[in-house]
N, C-alpha and C. Protein backbone atom coordinates (compact mmCIF):
# COMPACT_ATOMS: atom_id res chain seq x y z
N MET A 1 0.82 -1.19 0.00
CA MET A 1 0.00 0.00 0.00
C MET A 1 0.87 1.25 0.00
N ILE A 2 1.95 1.21 0.76
CA ILE A 2 2.84 2.37 0.81
C ILE A 2 3.43 2.63 -0.56
N ILE A 3 3.81 1.58 -1.25
CA ILE A 3 4.39 1.74 -2.59
C ILE A 3 3.34 2.23 -3.57
N GLU A 4 2.13 1.70 -3.47
CA GLU A 4 1.03 2.16 -4.32
C GLU A 4 0.76 3.65 -4.09
N MET A 5 0.78 4.07 -2.83
CA MET A 5 0.56 5.48 -2.50
C MET A 5 1.71 6.35 -3.00
N MET A 6 2.91 5.79 -2.97
CA MET A 6 4.06 6.51 -3.48
C MET A 6 3.90 6.74 -4.99
N LEU A 7 3.49 5.70 -5.71
CA LEU A 7 3.28 5.82 -7.16
C LEU A 7 2.14 6.80 -7.49
N ASP A 8 1.12 6.82 -6.63
CA ASP A 8 -0.03 7.69 -6.86
C ASP A 8 0.22 9.13 -6.43
N GLY A 9 1.38 9.40 -5.82
CA GLY A 9 1.70 10.76 -5.40
C GLY A 9 1.06 11.17 -4.08
N ASN A 10 0.67 10.18 -3.25
CA ASN A 10 0.07 10.49 -1.95
C ASN A 10 1.12 10.66 -0.86
N LEU A 11 2.28 10.05 -1.06
CA LEU A 11 3.36 10.17 -0.08
C LEU A 11 4.70 9.99 -0.76
N GLU A 12 5.73 10.38 -0.05
CA GLU A 12 7.11 10.19 -0.51
C GLU A 12 7.88 9.51 0.61
N ILE A 13 8.95 8.85 0.25
CA ILE A 13 9.84 8.26 1.25
C ILE A 13 11.21 8.83 0.99
N ASN A 14 11.78 9.48 2.00
CA ASN A 14 13.09 10.09 1.79
C ASN A 14 14.20 9.07 2.01
N ASP A 15 15.43 9.51 1.83
CA ASP A 15 16.57 8.59 1.91
C ASP A 15 16.84 8.09 3.33
N LYS A 16 16.11 8.59 4.31
CA LYS A 16 16.27 8.13 5.69
C LYS A 16 15.07 7.28 6.12
N ASP A 17 14.37 6.71 5.13
CA ASP A 17 13.18 5.86 5.37
C ASP A 17 12.11 6.57 6.18
N LYS A 18 11.95 7.87 5.92
CA LYS A 18 10.88 8.62 6.58
C LYS A 18 9.79 8.90 5.56
N VAL A 19 8.55 8.72 5.99
CA VAL A 19 7.39 8.91 5.13
C VAL A 19 6.91 10.34 5.26
N ILE A 20 6.72 10.98 4.12
CA ILE A 20 6.24 12.37 4.06
C ILE A 20 4.93 12.35 3.27
N LEU A 21 3.85 12.77 3.92
CA LEU A 21 2.56 12.82 3.22
C LEU A 21 2.52 14.00 2.27
N CYS A 22 1.95 13.77 1.10
CA CYS A 22 1.73 14.84 0.12
C CYS A 22 0.29 15.34 0.29
N ASP A 23 -0.01 16.44 -0.34
CA ASP A 23 -1.35 17.01 -0.23
C ASP A 23 -2.41 16.21 -0.98
N LYS A 24 -2.00 15.34 -1.88
CA LYS A 24 -2.94 14.57 -2.68
C LYS A 24 -3.49 13.40 -1.87
N MET A 25 -4.77 13.46 -1.54
CA MET A 25 -5.44 12.43 -0.75
C MET A 25 -5.69 11.19 -1.62
N PRO A 26 -5.46 9.99 -1.09
CA PRO A 26 -5.73 8.77 -1.85
C PRO A 26 -7.22 8.64 -2.18
N THR A 27 -7.51 7.94 -3.26
CA THR A 27 -8.90 7.72 -3.66
C THR A 27 -9.38 6.32 -3.28
N ILE A 28 -8.47 5.42 -3.01
CA ILE A 28 -8.81 4.04 -2.67
C ILE A 28 -8.99 3.94 -1.16
N ASN A 29 -10.06 3.30 -0.72
CA ASN A 29 -10.42 3.27 0.70
C ASN A 29 -9.32 2.76 1.63
N TYR A 30 -8.66 1.65 1.28
CA TYR A 30 -7.64 1.13 2.19
C TYR A 30 -6.44 2.07 2.27
N ASN A 31 -6.12 2.75 1.16
CA ASN A 31 -5.04 3.74 1.20
C ASN A 31 -5.45 4.98 1.98
N LYS A 32 -6.73 5.37 1.87
CA LYS A 32 -7.23 6.51 2.66
C LYS A 32 -7.04 6.24 4.15
N LYS A 33 -7.37 5.02 4.56
CA LYS A 33 -7.24 4.65 5.98
C LYS A 33 -5.79 4.75 6.43
N LEU A 34 -4.87 4.22 5.63
CA LEU A 34 -3.45 4.29 5.99
C LEU A 34 -2.98 5.75 6.02
N TYR A 35 -3.42 6.54 5.05
CA TYR A 35 -3.07 7.96 4.98
C TYR A 35 -3.53 8.66 6.27
N GLU A 36 -4.76 8.37 6.70
CA GLU A 36 -5.30 8.99 7.92
C GLU A 36 -4.51 8.56 9.16
N ILE A 37 -4.13 7.31 9.22
CA ILE A 37 -3.34 6.81 10.35
C ILE A 37 -2.01 7.55 10.43
N ILE A 38 -1.35 7.70 9.28
CA ILE A 38 -0.06 8.41 9.26
C ILE A 38 -0.27 9.87 9.62
N LYS A 39 -1.31 10.48 9.08
CA LYS A 39 -1.61 11.89 9.36
C LYS A 39 -1.88 12.11 10.85
N ASP A 40 -2.55 11.16 11.50
CA ASP A 40 -2.87 11.26 12.92
C ASP A 40 -1.62 11.19 13.80
N MET A 41 -0.50 10.78 13.23
CA MET A 41 0.75 10.73 13.99
C MET A 41 1.32 12.13 14.20
N LYS A 42 0.77 13.10 13.49
CA LYS A 42 1.06 14.54 13.65
C LYS A 42 2.55 14.88 13.57
N LYS A 43 3.23 14.29 12.61
CA LYS A 43 4.64 14.61 12.35
C LYS A 43 4.78 14.85 10.85
N ASP A 44 5.70 15.75 10.48
CA ASP A 44 5.93 16.02 9.07
C ASP A 44 6.59 14.83 8.38
N LYS A 45 7.50 14.19 9.09
CA LYS A 45 8.22 13.04 8.55
C LYS A 45 8.15 11.93 9.58
N VAL A 46 7.46 10.85 9.22
CA VAL A 46 7.27 9.74 10.16
C VAL A 46 8.14 8.58 9.71
N PRO A 47 9.02 8.09 10.60
CA PRO A 47 9.84 6.94 10.23
C PRO A 47 8.96 5.74 9.87
N LEU A 48 9.32 5.05 8.81
CA LEU A 48 8.59 3.88 8.35
C LEU A 48 8.46 2.86 9.48
N LYS A 49 9.51 2.71 10.28
CA LYS A 49 9.50 1.77 11.40
C LYS A 49 8.36 2.08 12.37
N ILE A 50 8.15 3.36 12.64
CA ILE A 50 7.11 3.78 13.58
C ILE A 50 5.72 3.43 13.02
N ILE A 51 5.53 3.68 11.73
CA ILE A 51 4.25 3.37 11.10
C ILE A 51 3.97 1.87 11.19
N LEU A 52 4.95 1.05 10.84
CA LEU A 52 4.76 -0.39 10.87
C LEU A 52 4.52 -0.91 12.28
N ARG A 53 5.30 -0.41 13.22
CA ARG A 53 5.12 -0.84 14.61
C ARG A 53 3.73 -0.49 15.10
N SER A 54 3.29 0.72 14.81
CA SER A 54 1.99 1.16 15.31
C SER A 54 0.85 0.36 14.70
N ILE A 55 0.96 0.01 13.43
CA ILE A 55 -0.13 -0.73 12.77
C ILE A 55 -0.06 -2.22 13.10
N CYS A 56 1.11 -2.81 12.96
CA CYS A 56 1.23 -4.26 13.09
C CYS A 56 1.40 -4.75 14.52
N PHE A 57 2.04 -3.96 15.34
CA PHE A 57 2.40 -4.45 16.67
C PHE A 57 2.01 -3.48 17.78
N GLY A 58 1.02 -2.63 17.53
CA GLY A 58 0.57 -1.67 18.53
C GLY A 58 -0.27 -2.36 19.59
N PHE A 59 -0.71 -1.58 20.57
CA PHE A 59 -1.53 -2.13 21.65
C PHE A 59 -2.88 -2.61 21.14
N SER A 60 -3.37 -1.97 20.10
CA SER A 60 -4.66 -2.33 19.53
C SER A 60 -4.47 -2.82 18.10
N THR A 61 -5.26 -3.79 17.71
CA THR A 61 -5.20 -4.29 16.34
C THR A 61 -6.28 -3.64 15.47
N LYS A 62 -6.95 -2.63 16.03
CA LYS A 62 -8.05 -1.98 15.33
C LYS A 62 -7.62 -1.43 13.96
N ASN A 63 -6.50 -0.71 13.91
CA ASN A 63 -6.04 -0.13 12.64
C ASN A 63 -5.66 -1.21 11.63
N LEU A 64 -4.97 -2.23 12.08
CA LEU A 64 -4.56 -3.32 11.19
C LEU A 64 -5.79 -4.03 10.63
N LYS A 65 -6.73 -4.36 11.49
CA LYS A 65 -7.95 -5.04 11.04
C LYS A 65 -8.74 -4.17 10.06
N SER A 66 -8.79 -2.88 10.35
CA SER A 66 -9.53 -1.95 9.48
C SER A 66 -8.91 -1.92 8.08
N ILE A 67 -7.59 -1.80 8.02
CA ILE A 67 -6.89 -1.76 6.73
C ILE A 67 -7.06 -3.08 5.99
N VAL A 68 -6.86 -4.19 6.69
CA VAL A 68 -6.97 -5.51 6.06
C VAL A 68 -8.38 -5.72 5.53
N ASN A 69 -9.40 -5.34 6.30
CA ASN A 69 -10.78 -5.51 5.84
C ASN A 69 -11.07 -4.67 4.61
N LEU A 70 -10.57 -3.42 4.58
CA LEU A 70 -10.78 -2.57 3.41
C LEU A 70 -10.05 -3.13 2.19
N LEU A 71 -8.86 -3.64 2.39
CA LEU A 71 -8.09 -4.24 1.30
C LEU A 71 -8.81 -5.50 0.78
N LYS A 72 -9.28 -6.31 1.70
CA LYS A 72 -10.00 -7.53 1.33
C LYS A 72 -11.28 -7.18 0.55
N GLU A 73 -12.02 -6.19 1.02
CA GLU A 73 -13.25 -5.75 0.32
C GLU A 73 -12.93 -5.31 -1.11
N SER A 74 -11.84 -4.56 -1.26
CA SER A 74 -11.44 -4.09 -2.58
C SER A 74 -11.09 -5.25 -3.50
N MET A 75 -10.38 -6.24 -2.96
CA MET A 75 -10.00 -7.40 -3.76
C MET A 75 -11.21 -8.24 -4.14
N ILE A 76 -12.19 -8.32 -3.26
CA ILE A 76 -13.42 -9.05 -3.57
C ILE A 76 -14.20 -8.29 -4.63
N GLU A 77 -14.31 -6.97 -4.45
CA GLU A 77 -15.02 -6.12 -5.41
C GLU A 77 -14.42 -6.22 -6.81
N ASN A 78 -13.10 -6.31 -6.88
CA ASN A 78 -12.41 -6.42 -8.16
C ASN A 78 -12.29 -7.88 -8.63
N GLU A 79 -12.95 -8.76 -7.90
CA GLU A 79 -12.99 -10.19 -8.21
C GLU A 79 -11.61 -10.84 -8.31
N LEU A 80 -10.70 -10.37 -7.47
CA LEU A 80 -9.37 -10.97 -7.41
C LEU A 80 -9.36 -12.16 -6.46
N ILE A 81 -10.21 -12.08 -5.43
CA ILE A 81 -10.32 -13.16 -4.46
C ILE A 81 -11.79 -13.44 -4.18
N ALA A 82 -12.05 -14.58 -3.59
CA ALA A 82 -13.38 -14.92 -3.11
C ALA A 82 -13.21 -15.51 -1.71
N LEU A 83 -14.16 -15.24 -0.84
CA LEU A 83 -14.11 -15.77 0.52
C LEU A 83 -14.99 -17.00 0.63
N GLU A 84 -14.54 -17.91 1.45
CA GLU A 84 -15.29 -19.14 1.68
C GLU A 84 -15.18 -19.46 3.17
N THR A 85 -16.25 -19.91 3.75
CA THR A 85 -16.22 -20.30 5.16
C THR A 85 -16.14 -21.83 5.22
N LYS A 86 -15.14 -22.32 5.95
CA LYS A 86 -14.96 -23.77 6.08
C LYS A 86 -14.96 -24.15 7.56
N LYS A 87 -15.43 -25.32 7.83
CA LYS A 87 -15.43 -25.82 9.20
C LYS A 87 -14.05 -26.37 9.50
N GLY A 88 -13.48 -25.88 10.59
CA GLY A 88 -12.17 -26.34 11.02
C GLY A 88 -12.30 -27.16 12.30
N LEU A 89 -11.18 -27.43 12.94
CA LEU A 89 -11.18 -28.20 14.19
C LEU A 89 -11.88 -27.45 15.32
N ILE A 90 -11.69 -26.12 15.34
CA ILE A 90 -12.26 -25.31 16.42
C ILE A 90 -13.23 -24.29 15.82
N GLY A 91 -14.27 -24.76 15.20
CA GLY A 91 -15.27 -23.85 14.63
C GLY A 91 -15.02 -23.58 13.16
N TYR A 92 -15.51 -22.43 12.73
CA TYR A 92 -15.42 -22.06 11.32
C TYR A 92 -14.28 -21.08 11.09
N LYS A 93 -13.73 -21.12 9.89
CA LYS A 93 -12.66 -20.19 9.53
C LYS A 93 -12.90 -19.65 8.13
N GLU A 94 -12.39 -18.45 7.90
CA GLU A 94 -12.54 -17.81 6.60
C GLU A 94 -11.33 -18.19 5.73
N VAL A 95 -11.62 -18.66 4.53
CA VAL A 95 -10.56 -19.05 3.59
C VAL A 95 -10.64 -18.12 2.38
N ILE A 96 -9.47 -17.63 1.97
CA ILE A 96 -9.40 -16.74 0.80
C ILE A 96 -8.95 -17.57 -0.40
N ASN A 97 -9.74 -17.52 -1.46
CA ASN A 97 -9.40 -18.21 -2.71
C ASN A 97 -8.99 -17.17 -3.75
N ILE A 98 -7.82 -17.35 -4.32
CA ILE A 98 -7.31 -16.43 -5.34
C ILE A 98 -7.86 -16.85 -6.69
N ASP A 99 -8.27 -15.87 -7.49
CA ASP A 99 -8.74 -16.15 -8.84
C ASP A 99 -7.53 -16.47 -9.71
N GLU A 100 -7.34 -17.74 -9.99
CA GLU A 100 -6.17 -18.21 -10.75
C GLU A 100 -6.09 -17.57 -12.14
N ASN A 101 -7.24 -17.37 -12.79
CA ASN A 101 -7.24 -16.78 -14.12
C ASN A 101 -6.73 -15.34 -14.09
N LYS A 102 -7.16 -14.57 -13.10
CA LYS A 102 -6.70 -13.18 -13.00
C LYS A 102 -5.20 -13.14 -12.67
N PHE A 103 -4.76 -14.07 -11.83
CA PHE A 103 -3.34 -14.16 -11.49
C PHE A 103 -2.52 -14.46 -12.76
N LYS A 104 -2.98 -15.45 -13.52
CA LYS A 104 -2.28 -15.83 -14.76
C LYS A 104 -2.32 -14.68 -15.77
N ASN A 105 -3.45 -13.99 -15.86
CA ASN A 105 -3.56 -12.84 -16.78
C ASN A 105 -2.57 -11.74 -16.41
N THR A 106 -2.40 -11.49 -15.12
CA THR A 106 -1.44 -10.47 -14.67
C THR A 106 -0.03 -10.87 -15.07
N ILE A 107 0.32 -12.12 -14.84
CA ILE A 107 1.65 -12.61 -15.21
C ILE A 107 1.84 -12.52 -16.73
N GLU A 108 0.83 -12.91 -17.50
CA GLU A 108 0.92 -12.83 -18.96
C GLU A 108 1.06 -11.38 -19.44
N GLU A 109 0.38 -10.46 -18.77
CA GLU A 109 0.49 -9.03 -19.13
C GLU A 109 1.91 -8.53 -18.89
N ILE A 110 2.49 -8.92 -17.78
CA ILE A 110 3.89 -8.54 -17.50
C ILE A 110 4.81 -9.14 -18.55
N LYS A 111 4.61 -10.42 -18.85
CA LYS A 111 5.44 -11.08 -19.87
C LYS A 111 5.33 -10.36 -21.21
N SER A 112 4.10 -10.07 -21.63
CA SER A 112 3.94 -9.46 -22.95
C SER A 112 4.54 -8.05 -23.01
N GLU A 113 4.39 -7.28 -21.95
CA GLU A 113 4.99 -5.94 -21.95
C GLU A 113 6.50 -6.01 -22.07
N PHE A 114 7.10 -6.93 -21.35
CA PHE A 114 8.56 -7.01 -21.33
C PHE A 114 9.12 -7.76 -22.53
N LEU A 115 8.49 -8.83 -22.93
CA LEU A 115 9.06 -9.68 -23.97
C LEU A 115 8.70 -9.23 -25.38
N GLU A 116 7.60 -8.51 -25.54
CA GLU A 116 7.21 -8.05 -26.86
C GLU A 116 7.66 -6.61 -27.13
N LYS A 117 8.53 -6.12 -26.27
CA LYS A 117 9.12 -4.78 -26.41
C LYS A 117 8.05 -3.68 -26.49
N ARG A 118 6.94 -3.88 -25.77
CA ARG A 118 5.90 -2.85 -25.72
C ARG A 118 6.33 -1.75 -24.76
N ASN A 119 5.61 -0.63 -24.80
CA ASN A 119 5.88 0.44 -23.84
C ASN A 119 5.59 -0.08 -22.43
N LEU A 120 6.50 0.18 -21.54
CA LEU A 120 6.38 -0.31 -20.18
C LEU A 120 5.69 0.74 -19.31
N THR A 121 4.74 0.30 -18.50
CA THR A 121 4.10 1.21 -17.55
C THR A 121 4.91 1.21 -16.26
N GLU A 122 4.77 2.28 -15.49
CA GLU A 122 5.47 2.34 -14.20
C GLU A 122 5.10 1.17 -13.32
N GLU A 123 3.80 0.84 -13.30
CA GLU A 123 3.32 -0.25 -12.45
C GLU A 123 3.96 -1.58 -12.85
N SER A 124 4.05 -1.84 -14.16
CA SER A 124 4.64 -3.09 -14.62
C SER A 124 6.13 -3.16 -14.29
N ILE A 125 6.82 -2.07 -14.49
CA ILE A 125 8.26 -2.03 -14.17
C ILE A 125 8.47 -2.29 -12.69
N LEU A 126 7.69 -1.59 -11.88
CA LEU A 126 7.83 -1.74 -10.43
C LEU A 126 7.49 -3.15 -10.00
N LEU A 127 6.36 -3.67 -10.47
CA LEU A 127 5.95 -5.01 -10.09
C LEU A 127 6.96 -6.06 -10.55
N ALA A 128 7.38 -5.98 -11.78
CA ALA A 128 8.36 -6.95 -12.31
C ALA A 128 9.69 -6.86 -11.56
N SER A 129 10.13 -5.65 -11.27
CA SER A 129 11.41 -5.48 -10.55
C SER A 129 11.34 -6.08 -9.16
N LEU A 130 10.24 -5.80 -8.47
CA LEU A 130 10.10 -6.32 -7.11
C LEU A 130 9.95 -7.84 -7.11
N LEU A 131 9.13 -8.36 -8.02
CA LEU A 131 8.97 -9.81 -8.10
C LEU A 131 10.27 -10.48 -8.50
N ASN A 132 11.01 -9.86 -9.41
CA ASN A 132 12.28 -10.39 -9.88
C ASN A 132 13.31 -10.42 -8.74
N SER A 133 13.41 -9.32 -8.00
CA SER A 133 14.40 -9.25 -6.93
C SER A 133 14.07 -10.19 -5.78
N ASN A 134 12.79 -10.53 -5.63
CA ASN A 134 12.39 -11.46 -4.58
C ASN A 134 12.33 -12.91 -5.07
N LYS A 135 12.85 -13.16 -6.28
CA LYS A 135 12.96 -14.50 -6.87
C LYS A 135 11.60 -15.13 -7.15
N PHE A 136 10.53 -14.35 -7.13
CA PHE A 136 9.20 -14.88 -7.37
C PHE A 136 9.02 -15.30 -8.83
N LEU A 137 9.65 -14.59 -9.73
CA LEU A 137 9.48 -14.87 -11.16
C LEU A 137 10.25 -16.10 -11.62
N LYS A 138 11.15 -16.58 -10.78
CA LYS A 138 11.99 -17.72 -11.14
C LYS A 138 11.15 -18.93 -11.56
N ASN A 139 10.03 -19.15 -10.89
CA ASN A 139 9.18 -20.30 -11.19
C ASN A 139 8.16 -20.02 -12.28
N ILE A 140 8.05 -18.77 -12.70
CA ILE A 140 7.03 -18.38 -13.68
C ILE A 140 7.64 -18.16 -15.06
N PHE A 141 8.82 -17.55 -15.11
CA PHE A 141 9.50 -17.26 -16.37
C PHE A 141 10.49 -18.37 -16.67
N ASN A 142 10.58 -18.76 -17.93
CA ASN A 142 11.63 -19.71 -18.29
C ASN A 142 12.95 -18.95 -18.41
N LYS A 143 14.03 -19.65 -18.68
CA LYS A 143 15.36 -19.02 -18.71
C LYS A 143 15.44 -17.89 -19.73
N TYR A 144 14.94 -18.13 -20.95
CA TYR A 144 14.96 -17.10 -21.99
C TYR A 144 14.16 -15.87 -21.57
N GLU A 145 12.95 -16.09 -21.05
CA GLU A 145 12.09 -14.97 -20.63
C GLU A 145 12.75 -14.17 -19.51
N LYS A 146 13.41 -14.86 -18.60
CA LYS A 146 14.10 -14.21 -17.48
C LYS A 146 15.24 -13.34 -18.01
N GLU A 147 15.99 -13.84 -18.96
CA GLU A 147 17.09 -13.06 -19.56
C GLU A 147 16.55 -11.81 -20.25
N GLU A 148 15.44 -11.96 -20.98
CA GLU A 148 14.82 -10.82 -21.67
C GLU A 148 14.30 -9.79 -20.67
N LEU A 149 13.70 -10.28 -19.59
CA LEU A 149 13.21 -9.39 -18.53
C LEU A 149 14.37 -8.59 -17.96
N ASN A 150 15.46 -9.27 -17.66
CA ASN A 150 16.63 -8.57 -17.09
C ASN A 150 17.20 -7.54 -18.07
N LYS A 151 17.20 -7.86 -19.37
CA LYS A 151 17.66 -6.89 -20.38
C LYS A 151 16.78 -5.65 -20.36
N ARG A 152 15.46 -5.85 -20.33
CA ARG A 152 14.53 -4.72 -20.32
C ARG A 152 14.67 -3.88 -19.06
N LEU A 153 14.86 -4.56 -17.92
CA LEU A 153 15.05 -3.84 -16.66
C LEU A 153 16.36 -3.04 -16.69
N GLU A 154 17.36 -3.60 -17.35
CA GLU A 154 18.65 -2.90 -17.48
C GLU A 154 18.49 -1.63 -18.32
N GLU A 155 17.61 -1.68 -19.34
CA GLU A 155 17.37 -0.52 -20.21
C GLU A 155 16.82 0.68 -19.45
N ILE A 156 16.08 0.43 -18.40
CA ILE A 156 15.46 1.54 -17.66
C ILE A 156 16.28 1.95 -16.43
N LYS A 157 17.49 1.41 -16.34
CA LYS A 157 18.33 1.62 -15.16
C LYS A 157 18.55 3.09 -14.82
N ASP A 158 18.70 3.96 -15.79
CA ASP A 158 19.00 5.36 -15.53
C ASP A 158 17.80 6.28 -15.72
N THR A 159 16.61 5.75 -15.52
CA THR A 159 15.41 6.56 -15.69
C THR A 159 14.80 6.90 -14.33
N GLU A 160 13.78 7.75 -14.37
CA GLU A 160 13.11 8.17 -13.14
C GLU A 160 12.44 6.99 -12.43
N ILE A 161 11.86 6.08 -13.19
CA ILE A 161 11.18 4.94 -12.58
C ILE A 161 12.19 4.04 -11.86
N ALA A 162 13.42 3.98 -12.34
CA ALA A 162 14.44 3.17 -11.68
C ALA A 162 14.67 3.65 -10.25
N GLU A 163 14.59 4.95 -10.06
CA GLU A 163 14.74 5.52 -8.72
C GLU A 163 13.57 5.09 -7.84
N LYS A 164 12.35 5.06 -8.40
CA LYS A 164 11.18 4.61 -7.63
C LYS A 164 11.31 3.13 -7.28
N VAL A 165 11.83 2.35 -8.21
CA VAL A 165 12.04 0.93 -7.96
C VAL A 165 13.02 0.75 -6.80
N LYS A 166 14.08 1.54 -6.81
CA LYS A 166 15.09 1.46 -5.76
C LYS A 166 14.48 1.81 -4.39
N VAL A 167 13.69 2.88 -4.35
CA VAL A 167 13.04 3.28 -3.11
C VAL A 167 12.06 2.20 -2.66
N ALA A 168 11.28 1.66 -3.60
CA ALA A 168 10.31 0.61 -3.27
C ALA A 168 11.02 -0.62 -2.72
N GLN A 169 12.12 -1.03 -3.35
CA GLN A 169 12.84 -2.20 -2.88
C GLN A 169 13.42 -1.96 -1.49
N THR A 170 13.99 -0.79 -1.27
CA THR A 170 14.52 -0.44 0.05
C THR A 170 13.41 -0.47 1.09
N THR A 171 12.25 0.07 0.71
CA THR A 171 11.10 0.10 1.62
C THR A 171 10.67 -1.32 1.98
N ILE A 172 10.56 -2.19 0.99
CA ILE A 172 10.16 -3.57 1.26
C ILE A 172 11.20 -4.28 2.12
N ASN A 173 12.47 -4.08 1.83
CA ASN A 173 13.53 -4.69 2.64
C ASN A 173 13.45 -4.20 4.08
N THR A 174 13.19 -2.90 4.26
CA THR A 174 13.07 -2.33 5.60
C THR A 174 11.87 -2.95 6.32
N MET A 175 10.74 -3.03 5.62
CA MET A 175 9.54 -3.62 6.23
C MET A 175 9.78 -5.07 6.62
N ASN A 176 10.42 -5.84 5.74
CA ASN A 176 10.71 -7.25 6.06
C ASN A 176 11.62 -7.36 7.28
N ALA A 177 12.64 -6.51 7.35
CA ALA A 177 13.57 -6.54 8.48
C ALA A 177 12.86 -6.17 9.78
N ILE A 178 12.01 -5.15 9.73
CA ILE A 178 11.28 -4.73 10.93
C ILE A 178 10.35 -5.84 11.40
N ILE A 179 9.61 -6.42 10.48
CA ILE A 179 8.66 -7.48 10.84
C ILE A 179 9.40 -8.69 11.40
N ALA A 180 10.51 -9.08 10.76
CA ALA A 180 11.30 -10.22 11.24
C ALA A 180 11.84 -9.95 12.65
N THR A 181 12.37 -8.76 12.87
CA THR A 181 12.91 -8.39 14.18
C THR A 181 11.82 -8.43 15.23
N MET A 182 10.68 -7.86 14.90
CA MET A 182 9.58 -7.83 15.86
C MET A 182 9.05 -9.23 16.17
N MET A 183 9.02 -10.09 15.17
CA MET A 183 8.56 -11.46 15.39
C MET A 183 9.54 -12.21 16.29
N VAL A 184 10.83 -12.03 16.06
CA VAL A 184 11.84 -12.69 16.89
C VAL A 184 11.72 -12.17 18.32
N ASN A 185 11.60 -10.86 18.48
CA ASN A 185 11.50 -10.28 19.82
C ASN A 185 10.23 -10.73 20.54
N SER A 186 9.14 -10.92 19.81
CA SER A 186 7.89 -11.31 20.45
C SER A 186 7.91 -12.78 20.89
N THR A 187 8.81 -13.59 20.33
CA THR A 187 8.86 -15.00 20.71
C THR A 187 9.90 -15.29 21.78
N ARG A 188 10.67 -14.30 22.15
CA ARG A 188 11.69 -14.50 23.20
C ARG A 188 11.02 -14.66 24.55
N THR A 189 11.59 -15.54 25.36
CA THR A 189 11.08 -15.68 26.72
C THR A 189 11.80 -14.71 27.63
N VAL A 190 11.08 -14.25 28.61
CA VAL A 190 11.64 -13.24 29.54
C VAL A 190 12.32 -13.92 30.69
């Protein structure tokens, strides 16, 4: 969501991993909620760590549940997922089913943009770069397709979007490190 808001011009992340809200209010409900949470922190520059701690590991899970529910509603509305209730060992549980066709269509769209030398959108570049750096595409692209993807990503190395990709990757790495640290700390015995 933070990266989506960054692309939409709702916020910026400076080189010290501090989030700066822009005057442009998000239009998507789950991003509006996150924007409001950050705004309520009443600081011009809020460290990403503080935002994550407050949402994921704060005293109340109200903000996290609110954001997740809004995100889930959006995904259902866009028919990306469907919810199903299944009986488990201890009552009923909600199961999320991903629409495999939409998932495959997204992957095919990325492939066609990169492999057919079409004009690349910022979203496709960012998504492909992040998926590529996280080794997610390894199981989806064959060796030739992966080489072509890397060539195309190399072509945009000195462009404005490359800077956004770098910030997005740093942001994701920071979020992963924070979450991992917090999980380790929460499992330690006193």
